[in-house]
């Protein structure tokens, strides 16, 4: 598995080297691409990679980075500070983002 380093290094590598250029947000029952005003349900995207990062001083300080491709082939990133389980989103989205 490729070493992505820190969270910020991973974001930069995924954007520059692998083309994940969109910033996604979790909003209720969908992912949102605010820039292009697009919304994606759980059936309209795939999670390509999941990278987990723990804080240096506090292992409870978790961040999870999801590399996502949508059904219309747009690639982007979703960062979740505590993991999707801590967010208020639909069960379908939670199931899609579960770490396997």
PDB file of N, CA and C in Angstrom:
ATOM      1  N   UNK A   1       0.836  -1.183   0.000  1.00  0.00           N
ATOM      2  CA  UNK A   1       0.000   0.000   0.000  1.00  0.00           C
ATOM      3  C   UNK A   1       0.885   1.251   0.000  1.00  0.00           C
ATOM      4  N   UNK A   2       0.479   2.216  -0.757  1.00  0.00           N
ATOM      5  CA  UNK A   2       1.232   3.462  -0.887  1.00  0.00           C
ATOM      6  C   UNK A   2       1.194   4.261   0.416  1.00  0.00           C
ATOM      7  N   UNK A   3       2.331   4.841   0.787  1.00  0.00           N
ATOM      8  CA  UNK A   3       2.396   5.684   1.975  1.00  0.00           C
ATOM      9  C   UNK A   3       2.056   7.116   1.573  1.00  0.00           C
ATOM     10  N   UNK A   4       0.981   7.621   2.129  1.00  0.00           N
ATOM     11  CA  UNK A   4       0.537   8.976   1.802  1.00  0.00           C
ATOM     12  C   UNK A   4       1.013  10.014   2.811  1.00  0.00           C
ATOM     13  N   UNK A   5       1.687   9.593   3.881  1.00  0.00           N
ATOM     14  CA  UNK A   5       2.198  10.540   4.871  1.00  0.00           C
ATOM     15  C   UNK A   5       1.090  11.105   5.742  1.00  0.00           C
ATOM     16  N   UNK A   6       1.121  12.404   5.962  1.00  0.00           N
ATOM     17  CA  UNK A   6       0.127  13.071   6.791  1.00  0.00           C
ATOM     18  C   UNK A   6      -1.156  13.316   5.996  1.00  0.00           C
ATOM     19  N   UNK A   7      -2.184  13.772   6.673  1.00  0.00           N
ATOM     20  CA  UNK A   7      -3.450  14.080   6.008  1.00  0.00           C
ATOM     21  C   UNK A   7      -3.262  15.116   4.905  1.00  0.00           C
ATOM     22  N   UNK A   8      -2.559  16.191   5.204  1.00  0.00           N
ATOM     23  CA  UNK A   8      -2.371  17.236   4.191  1.00  0.00           C
ATOM     24  C   UNK A   8      -1.525  16.733   3.018  1.00  0.00           C
ATOM     25  N   UNK A   9      -0.536  15.896   3.294  1.00  0.00           N
ATOM     26  CA  UNK A   9       0.267  15.312   2.216  1.00  0.00           C
ATOM     27  C   UNK A   9      -0.578  14.384   1.354  1.00  0.00           C
ATOM     28  N   UNK A  10      -1.443  13.609   1.989  1.00  0.00           N
ATOM     29  CA  UNK A  10      -2.313  12.691   1.254  1.00  0.00           C
ATOM     30  C   UNK A  10      -3.271  13.461   0.357  1.00  0.00           C
ATOM     31  N   UNK A  11      -3.843  14.535   0.875  1.00  0.00           N
ATOM     32  CA  UNK A  11      -4.748  15.358   0.071  1.00  0.00           C
ATOM     33  C   UNK A  11      -4.013  15.893  -1.152  1.00  0.00           C
ATOM     34  N   UNK A  12      -2.824  16.421  -0.946  1.00  0.00           N
ATOM     35  CA  UNK A  12      -2.046  16.957  -2.066  1.00  0.00           C
ATOM     36  C   UNK A  12      -1.696  15.881  -3.085  1.00  0.00           C
ATOM     37  N   UNK A  13      -1.252  14.715  -2.616  1.00  0.00           N
ATOM     38  CA  UNK A  13      -0.889  13.626  -3.534  1.00  0.00           C
ATOM     39  C   UNK A  13      -2.095  13.152  -4.330  1.00  0.00           C
ATOM     40  N   UNK A  14      -3.222  12.968  -3.656  1.00  0.00           N
ATOM     41  CA  UNK A  14      -4.415  12.491  -4.345  1.00  0.00           C
ATOM     42  C   UNK A  14      -4.918  13.512  -5.363  1.00  0.00           C
ATOM     43  N   UNK A  15      -4.814  14.779  -5.027  1.00  0.00           N
ATOM     44  CA  UNK A  15      -5.256  15.824  -5.960  1.00  0.00           C
ATOM     45  C   UNK A  15      -4.303  15.935  -7.152  1.00  0.00           C
ATOM     46  N   UNK A  16      -3.018  16.043  -6.874  1.00  0.00           N
ATOM     47  CA  UNK A  16      -2.044  16.292  -7.935  1.00  0.00           C
ATOM     48  C   UNK A  16      -1.675  15.054  -8.742  1.00  0.00           C
ATOM     49  N   UNK A  17      -1.528  13.927  -8.075  1.00  0.00           N
ATOM     50  CA  UNK A  17      -1.041  12.724  -8.746  1.00  0.00           C
ATOM     51  C   UNK A  17      -2.142  11.787  -9.230  1.00  0.00           C
ATOM     52  N   UNK A  18      -3.313  11.847  -8.584  1.00  0.00           N
ATOM     53  CA  UNK A  18      -4.344  10.864  -8.916  1.00  0.00           C
ATOM     54  C   UNK A  18      -5.653  11.497  -9.394  1.00  0.00           C
ATOM     55  N   UNK A  19      -5.704  12.826  -9.460  1.00  0.00           N
ATOM     56  CA  UNK A  19      -6.842  13.509 -10.078  1.00  0.00           C
ATOM     57  C   UNK A  19      -8.094  13.665  -9.237  1.00  0.00           C
ATOM     58  N   UNK A  20      -8.001  13.516  -7.927  1.00  0.00           N
ATOM     59  CA  UNK A  20      -9.157  13.714  -7.043  1.00  0.00           C
ATOM     60  C   UNK A  20      -9.256  15.202  -6.693  1.00  0.00           C
ATOM     61  N   UNK A  21      -9.846  15.986  -7.568  1.00  0.00           N
ATOM     62  CA  UNK A  21      -9.783  17.442  -7.458  1.00  0.00           C
ATOM     63  C   UNK A  21     -10.998  18.102  -6.813  1.00  0.00           C
ATOM     64  N   UNK A  22     -12.099  17.397  -6.684  1.00  0.00           N
ATOM     65  CA  UNK A  22     -13.320  17.980  -6.122  1.00  0.00           C
ATOM     66  C   UNK A  22     -13.321  17.822  -4.606  1.00  0.00           C
ATOM     67  N   UNK A  23     -13.830  18.821  -3.915  1.00  0.00           N
ATOM     68  CA  UNK A  23     -14.022  18.742  -2.463  1.00  0.00           C
ATOM     69  C   UNK A  23     -15.487  18.425  -2.195  1.00  0.00           C
ATOM     70  N   UNK A  24     -15.744  17.225  -1.663  1.00  0.00           N
ATOM     71  CA  UNK A  24     -17.107  16.814  -1.352  1.00  0.00           C
ATOM     72  C   UNK A  24     -17.452  17.140   0.097  1.00  0.00           C
ATOM     73  N   UNK A  25     -18.739  17.358   0.345  1.00  0.00           N
ATOM     74  CA  UNK A  25     -19.274  17.549   1.696  1.00  0.00           C
ATOM     75  C   UNK A  25     -20.374  16.529   1.918  1.00  0.00           C
ATOM     76  N   UNK A  26     -20.523  16.065   3.174  1.00  0.00           N
ATOM     77  CA  UNK A  26     -21.637  15.193   3.540  1.00  0.00           C
ATOM     78  C   UNK A  26     -22.818  16.081   3.924  1.00  0.00           C
ATOM     79  N   UNK A  27     -23.950  15.879   3.264  1.00  0.00           N
ATOM     80  CA  UNK A  27     -25.143  16.649   3.584  1.00  0.00           C
ATOM     81  C   UNK A  27     -26.327  15.693   3.626  1.00  0.00           C
ATOM     82  N   UNK A  28     -26.826  15.419   4.815  1.00  0.00           N
ATOM     83  CA  UNK A  28     -27.989  14.559   5.030  1.00  0.00           C
ATOM     84  C   UNK A  28     -27.924  13.260   4.242  1.00  0.00           C
ATOM     85  N   UNK A  29     -28.623  13.187   3.118  1.00  0.00           N
ATOM     86  CA  UNK A  29     -28.735  11.938   2.379  1.00  0.00           C
ATOM     87  C   UNK A  29     -27.920  11.904   1.098  1.00  0.00           C
ATOM     88  N   UNK A  30     -26.915  12.757   1.004  1.00  0.00           N
ATOM     89  CA  UNK A  30     -26.115  12.778  -0.219  1.00  0.00           C
ATOM     90  C   UNK A  30     -24.738  13.408   0.014  1.00  0.00           C
ATOM     91  N   UNK A  31     -23.879  13.215  -0.974  1.00  0.00           N
ATOM     92  CA  UNK A  31     -22.615  13.943  -1.055  1.00  0.00           C
ATOM     93  C   UNK A  31     -22.878  15.178  -1.891  1.00  0.00           C
ATOM     94  N   UNK A  32     -22.215  16.251  -1.556  1.00  0.00           N
ATOM     95  CA  UNK A  32     -22.434  17.486  -2.300  1.00  0.00           C
ATOM     96  C   UNK A  32     -21.127  18.010  -2.867  1.00  0.00           C
ATOM     97  N   UNK A  33     -21.201  18.434  -4.113  1.00  0.00           N
ATOM     98  CA  UNK A  33     -20.112  19.127  -4.787  1.00  0.00           C
ATOM     99  C   UNK A  33     -20.614  20.558  -4.960  1.00  0.00           C
ATOM    100  N   UNK A  34     -20.295  21.423  -4.001  1.00  0.00           N
ATOM    101  CA  UNK A  34     -20.828  22.799  -4.016  1.00  0.00           C
ATOM    102  C   UNK A  34     -20.379  23.587  -5.236  1.00  0.00           C
ATOM    103  N   UNK A  35     -19.148  23.382  -5.648  1.00  0.00           N
ATOM    104  CA  UNK A  35     -18.608  24.141  -6.769  1.00  0.00           C
ATOM    105  C   UNK A  35     -19.470  23.988  -8.018  1.00  0.00           C
ATOM    106  N   UNK A  36     -19.839  22.747  -8.329  1.00  0.00           N
ATOM    107  CA  UNK A  36     -20.635  22.465  -9.531  1.00  0.00           C
ATOM    108  C   UNK A  36     -22.127  22.317  -9.232  1.00  0.00           C
ATOM    109  N   UNK A  37     -22.504  22.545  -7.959  1.00  0.00           N
ATOM    110  CA  UNK A  37     -23.907  22.442  -7.529  1.00  0.00           C
ATOM    111  C   UNK A  37     -24.500  21.077  -7.878  1.00  0.00           C
ATOM    112  N   UNK A  38     -23.756  20.017  -7.514  1.00  0.00           N
ATOM    113  CA  UNK A  38     -24.202  18.654  -7.790  1.00  0.00           C
ATOM    114  C   UNK A  38     -24.354  17.886  -6.481  1.00  0.00           C
ATOM    115  N   UNK A  39     -25.313  16.973  -6.469  1.00  0.00           N
ATOM    116  CA  UNK A  39     -25.555  16.114  -5.315  1.00  0.00           C
ATOM    117  C   UNK A  39     -25.545  14.660  -5.783  1.00  0.00           C
ATOM    118  N   UNK A  40     -25.011  13.778  -4.933  1.00  0.00           N
ATOM    119  CA  UNK A  40     -24.898  12.360  -5.275  1.00  0.00           C
ATOM    120  C   UNK A  40     -25.448  11.508  -4.132  1.00  0.00           C
ATOM    121  N   UNK A  41     -26.365  10.620  -4.467  1.00  0.00           N
ATOM    122  CA  UNK A  41     -26.866   9.665  -3.482  1.00  0.00           C
ATOM    123  C   UNK A  41     -25.844   8.542  -3.329  1.00  0.00           C
ATOM    124  N   UNK A  42     -26.100   7.645  -2.397  1.00  0.00           N
ATOM    125  CA  UNK A  42     -25.174   6.535  -2.149  1.00  0.00           C
ATOM    126  C   UNK A  42     -24.986   5.655  -3.385  1.00  0.00           C
ATOM    127  N   UNK A  43     -25.990   5.585  -4.231  1.00  0.00           N
ATOM    128  CA  UNK A  43     -25.904   4.753  -5.435  1.00  0.00           C
ATOM    129  C   UNK A  43     -25.114   5.434  -6.549  1.00  0.00           C
ATOM    130  N   UNK A  44     -24.797   6.716  -6.380  1.00  0.00           N
ATOM    131  CA  UNK A  44     -24.169   7.485  -7.454  1.00  0.00           C
ATOM    132  C   UNK A  44     -22.680   7.765  -7.233  1.00  0.00           C
ATOM    133  N   UNK A  45     -22.057   7.056  -6.285  1.00  0.00           N
ATOM    134  CA  UNK A  45     -20.615   7.200  -6.099  1.00  0.00           C
ATOM    135  C   UNK A  45     -20.015   5.922  -5.544  1.00  0.00           C
ATOM    136  N   UNK A  46     -18.714   5.777  -5.764  1.00  0.00           N
ATOM    137  CA  UNK A  46     -17.947   4.667  -5.205  1.00  0.00           C
ATOM    138  C   UNK A  46     -16.782   5.220  -4.404  1.00  0.00           C
ATOM    139  N   UNK A  47     -16.465   4.544  -3.325  1.00  0.00           N
ATOM    140  CA  UNK A  47     -15.306   4.899  -2.509  1.00  0.00           C
ATOM    141  C   UNK A  47     -14.134   4.088  -3.027  1.00  0.00           C
ATOM    142  N   UNK A  48     -13.129   4.783  -3.566  1.00  0.00           N
ATOM    143  CA  UNK A  48     -11.957   4.125  -4.134  1.00  0.00           C
ATOM    144  C   UNK A  48     -10.902   3.810  -3.080  1.00  0.00           C
ATOM    145  N   UNK A  49     -10.730   4.733  -2.138  1.00  0.00           N
ATOM    146  CA  UNK A  49      -9.717   4.567  -1.099  1.00  0.00           C
ATOM    147  C   UNK A  49     -10.226   5.192   0.192  1.00  0.00           C
ATOM    148  N   UNK A  50      -9.810   4.594   1.299  1.00  0.00           N
ATOM    149  CA  UNK A  50     -10.095   5.146   2.624  1.00  0.00           C
ATOM    150  C   UNK A  50      -8.773   5.214   3.361  1.00  0.00           C
ATOM    151  N   UNK A  51      -8.401   6.408   3.789  1.00  0.00           N
ATOM    152  CA  UNK A  51      -7.155   6.601   4.535  1.00  0.00           C
ATOM    153  C   UNK A  51      -7.499   7.175   5.901  1.00  0.00           C
ATOM    154  N   UNK A  52      -6.965   6.540   6.927  1.00  0.00           N
ATOM    155  CA  UNK A  52      -7.256   6.966   8.301  1.00  0.00           C
ATOM    156  C   UNK A  52      -5.999   7.566   8.914  1.00  0.00           C
ATOM    157  N   UNK A  53      -6.192   8.676   9.625  1.00  0.00           N
ATOM    158  CA  UNK A  53      -5.077   9.369  10.263  1.00  0.00           C
ATOM    159  C   UNK A  53      -5.409   9.612  11.730  1.00  0.00           C
ATOM    160  N   UNK A  54      -4.423   9.398  12.600  1.00  0.00           N
ATOM    161  CA  UNK A  54      -4.592   9.678  14.025  1.00  0.00           C
ATOM    162  C   UNK A  54      -3.691  10.830  14.409  1.00  0.00           C
ATOM    163  N   UNK A  55      -4.190  11.636  15.339  1.00  0.00           N
ATOM    164  CA  UNK A  55      -3.414  12.770  15.816  1.00  0.00           C
ATOM    165  C   UNK A  55      -2.153  12.317  16.523  1.00  0.00           C
ATOM    166  N   UNK A  56      -1.108  13.118  16.424  1.00  0.00           N
ATOM    167  CA  UNK A  56       0.182  12.762  17.036  1.00  0.00           C
ATOM    168  C   UNK A  56       0.086  12.683  18.554  1.00  0.00           C
ATOM    169  N   UNK A  57      -0.624  13.610  19.183  1.00  0.00           N
ATOM    170  CA  UNK A  57      -0.667  13.645  20.635  1.00  0.00           C
ATOM    171  C   UNK A  57      -1.893  12.941  21.202  1.00  0.00           C
ATOM    172  N   UNK A  58      -2.930  12.745  20.397  1.00  0.00           N
ATOM    173  CA  UNK A  58      -4.163  12.143  20.880  1.00  0.00           C
ATOM    174  C   UNK A  58      -4.687  11.140  19.857  1.00  0.00           C
ATOM    175  N   UNK A  59      -4.559   9.838  20.144  1.00  0.00           N
ATOM    176  CA  UNK A  59      -5.033   8.825  19.200  1.00  0.00           C
ATOM    177  C   UNK A  59      -6.535   8.932  18.929  1.00  0.00           C
ATOM    178  N   UNK A  60      -7.271   9.593  19.809  1.00  0.00           N
ATOM    179  CA  UNK A  60      -8.696   9.796  19.606  1.00  0.00           C
ATOM    180  C   UNK A  60      -8.985  10.908  18.613  1.00  0.00           C
ATOM    181  N   UNK A  61      -7.959  11.624  18.211  1.00  0.00           N
ATOM    182  CA  UNK A  61      -8.094  12.718  17.251  1.00  0.00           C
ATOM    183  C   UNK A  61      -7.963  12.156  15.842  1.00  0.00           C
ATOM    184  N   UNK A  62      -9.042  11.535  15.366  1.00  0.00           N
ATOM    185  CA  UNK A  62      -9.018  10.830  14.082  1.00  0.00           C
ATOM    186  C   UNK A  62      -9.517  11.695  12.939  1.00  0.00           C
ATOM    187  N   UNK A  63      -8.945  11.467  11.775  1.00  0.00           N
ATOM    188  CA  UNK A  63      -9.448  12.019  10.525  1.00  0.00           C
ATOM    189  C   UNK A  63      -9.495  10.879   9.526  1.00  0.00           C
ATOM    190  N   UNK A  64     -10.516  10.887   8.699  1.00  0.00           N
ATOM    191  CA  UNK A  64     -10.637   9.881   7.656  1.00  0.00           C
ATOM    192  C   UNK A  64     -10.765  10.609   6.331  1.00  0.00           C
ATOM    193  N   UNK A  65      -9.992  10.162   5.357  1.00  0.00           N
ATOM    194  CA  UNK A  65     -10.008  10.753   4.028  1.00  0.00           C
ATOM    195  C   UNK A  65     -10.532   9.705   3.047  1.00  0.00           C
ATOM    196  N   UNK A  66     -11.600  10.063   2.344  1.00  0.00           N
ATOM    197  CA  UNK A  66     -12.203   9.181   1.351  1.00  0.00           C
ATOM    198  C   UNK A  66     -11.881   9.712  -0.037  1.00  0.00           C
ATOM    199  N   UNK A  67     -11.363   8.852  -0.911  1.00  0.00           N
ATOM    200  CA  UNK A  67     -11.175   9.178  -2.325  1.00  0.00           C
ATOM    201  C   UNK A  67     -12.375   8.579  -3.053  1.00  0.00           C
ATOM    202  N   UNK A  68     -13.120   9.437  -3.762  1.00  0.00           N
ATOM    203  CA  UNK A  68     -14.424   9.059  -4.304  1.00  0.00           C
ATOM    204  C   UNK A  68     -14.496   9.334  -5.802  1.00  0.00           C
ATOM    205  N   UNK A  69     -15.162   8.428  -6.524  1.00  0.00           N
ATOM    206  CA  UNK A  69     -15.484   8.636  -7.931  1.00  0.00           C
ATOM    207  C   UNK A  69     -17.001   8.557  -8.078  1.00  0.00           C
ATOM    208  N   UNK A  70     -17.579   9.541  -8.746  1.00  0.00           N
ATOM    209  CA  UNK A  70     -19.029   9.591  -8.920  1.00  0.00           C
ATOM    210  C   UNK A  70     -19.451   8.837 -10.172  1.00  0.00           C
ATOM    211  N   UNK A  71     -20.736   8.651 -10.315  1.00  0.00           N
ATOM    212  CA  UNK A  71     -21.282   7.929 -11.465  1.00  0.00           C
ATOM    213  C   UNK A  71     -21.038   8.668 -12.782  1.00  0.00           C
ATOM    214  N   UNK A  72     -20.785   9.984 -12.717  1.00  0.00           N
ATOM    215  CA  UNK A  72     -20.449  10.736 -13.930  1.00  0.00           C
ATOM    216  C   UNK A  72     -18.943  11.007 -14.015  1.00  0.00           C
ATOM    217  N   UNK A  73     -18.172  10.110 -13.359  1.00  0.00           N
ATOM    218  CA  UNK A  73     -16.705  10.074 -13.424  1.00  0.00           C
ATOM    219  C   UNK A  73     -15.998  11.316 -12.890  1.00  0.00           C
ATOM    220  N   UNK A  74     -16.580  11.984 -11.918  1.00  0.00           N
ATOM    221  CA  UNK A  74     -15.885  13.075 -11.237  1.00  0.00           C
ATOM    222  C   UNK A  74     -15.198  12.494 -10.013  1.00  0.00           C
ATOM    223  N   UNK A  75     -13.950  12.899  -9.802  1.00  0.00           N
ATOM    224  CA  UNK A  75     -13.157  12.367  -8.702  1.00  0.00           C
ATOM    225  C   UNK A  75     -12.906  13.458  -7.673  1.00  0.00           C
ATOM    226  N   UNK A  76     -13.087  13.100  -6.413  1.00  0.00           N
ATOM    227  CA  UNK A  76     -12.869  14.081  -5.367  1.00  0.00           C
ATOM    228  C   UNK A  76     -12.612  13.444  -4.020  1.00  0.00           C
ATOM    229  N   UNK A  77     -12.477  14.302  -3.032  1.00  0.00           N
ATOM    230  CA  UNK A  77     -12.128  13.879  -1.681  1.00  0.00           C
ATOM    231  C   UNK A  77     -13.181  14.324  -0.674  1.00  0.00           C
ATOM    232  N   UNK A  78     -13.359  13.495   0.329  1.00  0.00           N
ATOM    233  CA  UNK A  78     -14.221  13.814   1.456  1.00  0.00           C
ATOM    234  C   UNK A  78     -13.397  13.592   2.706  1.00  0.00           C
ATOM    235  N   UNK A  79     -13.276  14.606   3.539  1.00  0.00           N
ATOM    236  CA  UNK A  79     -12.569  14.487   4.806  1.00  0.00           C
ATOM    237  C   UNK A  79     -13.601  14.516   5.915  1.00  0.00           C
ATOM    238  N   UNK A  80     -13.494  13.561   6.812  1.00  0.00           N
ATOM    239  CA  UNK A  80     -14.404  13.503   7.941  1.00  0.00           C
ATOM    240  C   UNK A  80     -13.555  13.426   9.205  1.00  0.00           C
ATOM    241  N   UNK A  81     -13.723  14.389  10.074  1.00  0.00           N
ATOM    242  CA  UNK A  81     -12.872  14.509  11.256  1.00  0.00           C
ATOM    243  C   UNK A  81     -13.036  13.335  12.208  1.00  0.00           C
ATOM    244  N   UNK A  82     -14.248  12.887  12.453  1.00  0.00           N
ATOM    245  CA  UNK A  82     -14.468  11.829  13.428  1.00  0.00           C
ATOM    246  C   UNK A  82     -14.888  10.510  12.808  1.00  0.00           C
ATOM    247  N   UNK A  83     -15.048  10.458  11.507  1.00  0.00           N
ATOM    248  CA  UNK A  83     -15.569   9.269  10.850  1.00  0.00           C
ATOM    249  C   UNK A  83     -17.046   9.452  10.572  1.00  0.00           C
ATOM    250  N   UNK A  84     -17.524   8.821   9.551  1.00  0.00           N
ATOM    251  CA  UNK A  84     -18.910   9.008   9.112  1.00  0.00           C
ATOM    252  C   UNK A  84     -19.913   8.650  10.199  1.00  0.00           C
ATOM    253  N   UNK A  85     -19.550   7.744  11.097  1.00  0.00           N
ATOM    254  CA  UNK A  85     -20.475   7.330  12.146  1.00  0.00           C
ATOM    255  C   UNK A  85     -20.868   8.494  13.043  1.00  0.00           C
ATOM    256  N   UNK A  86     -20.026   9.505  13.164  1.00  0.00           N
ATOM    257  CA  UNK A  86     -20.299  10.643  14.037  1.00  0.00           C
ATOM    258  C   UNK A  86     -21.138  11.704  13.340  1.00  0.00           C
ATOM    259  N   UNK A  87     -21.326  11.584  12.045  1.00  0.00           N
ATOM    260  CA  UNK A  87     -22.072  12.576  11.278  1.00  0.00           C
ATOM    261  C   UNK A  87     -23.547  12.213  11.247  1.00  0.00           C
ATOM    262  N   UNK A  88     -24.376  13.201  10.982  1.00  0.00           N
ATOM    263  CA  UNK A  88     -25.808  12.959  10.860  1.00  0.00           C
ATOM    264  C   UNK A  88     -26.161  12.836   9.387  1.00  0.00           C
ATOM    265  N   UNK A  89     -25.932  11.642   8.844  1.00  0.00           N
ATOM    266  CA  UNK A  89     -26.233  11.369   7.443  1.00  0.00           C
ATOM    267  C   UNK A  89     -27.068  10.103   7.365  1.00  0.00           C
ATOM    268  N   UNK A  90     -27.597   9.825   6.181  1.00  0.00           N
ATOM    269  CA  UNK A  90     -28.474   8.671   6.011  1.00  0.00           C
ATOM    270  C   UNK A  90     -27.723   7.354   6.210  1.00  0.00           C
ATOM    271  N   UNK A  91     -28.491   6.309   6.500  1.00  0.00           N
ATOM    272  CA  UNK A  91     -27.915   4.980   6.674  1.00  0.00           C
ATOM    273  C   UNK A  91     -27.237   4.505   5.386  1.00  0.00           C
ATOM    274  N   UNK A  92     -27.812   4.833   4.231  1.00  0.00           N
ATOM    275  CA  UNK A  92     -27.235   4.421   2.948  1.00  0.00           C
ATOM    276  C   UNK A  92     -25.845   5.020   2.755  1.00  0.00           C
ATOM    277  N   UNK A  93     -25.710   6.299   3.100  1.00  0.00           N
ATOM    278  CA  UNK A  93     -24.402   6.950   2.994  1.00  0.00           C
ATOM    279  C   UNK A  93     -23.435   6.341   4.002  1.00  0.00           C
ATOM    280  N   UNK A  94     -23.892   6.126   5.236  1.00  0.00           N
ATOM    281  CA  UNK A  94     -23.031   5.501   6.251  1.00  0.00           C
ATOM    282  C   UNK A  94     -22.529   4.141   5.795  1.00  0.00           C
ATOM    283  N   UNK A  95     -23.426   3.333   5.235  1.00  0.00           N
ATOM    284  CA  UNK A  95     -23.032   2.006   4.759  1.00  0.00           C
ATOM    285  C   UNK A  95     -21.997   2.099   3.662  1.00  0.00           C
ATOM    286  N   UNK A  96     -22.142   3.063   2.784  1.00  0.00           N
ATOM    287  CA  UNK A  96     -21.205   3.242   1.659  1.00  0.00           C
ATOM    288  C   UNK A  96     -19.820   3.662   2.158  1.00  0.00           C
ATOM    289  N   UNK A  97     -19.774   4.434   3.239  1.00  0.00           N
ATOM    290  CA  UNK A  97     -18.502   4.967   3.730  1.00  0.00           C
ATOM    291  C   UNK A  97     -17.848   4.108   4.815  1.00  0.00           C
ATOM    292  N   UNK A  98     -18.479   2.995   5.180  1.00  0.00           N
ATOM    293  CA  UNK A  98     -17.890   2.142   6.219  1.00  0.00           C
ATOM    294  C   UNK A  98     -16.535   1.632   5.785  1.00  0.00           C
ATOM    295  N   UNK A  99     -15.628   1.629   6.732  1.00  0.00           N
ATOM    296  CA  UNK A  99     -14.279   1.117   6.474  1.00  0.00           C
ATOM    297  C   UNK A  99     -14.352  -0.400   6.519  1.00  0.00           C
ATOM    298  N   UNK A 100     -13.884  -1.008   5.438  1.00  0.00           N
ATOM    299  CA  UNK A 100     -13.944  -2.470   5.340  1.00  0.00           C
ATOM    300  C   UNK A 100     -12.620  -3.074   5.714  1.00  0.00           C
TER     301      UNK A 100
END
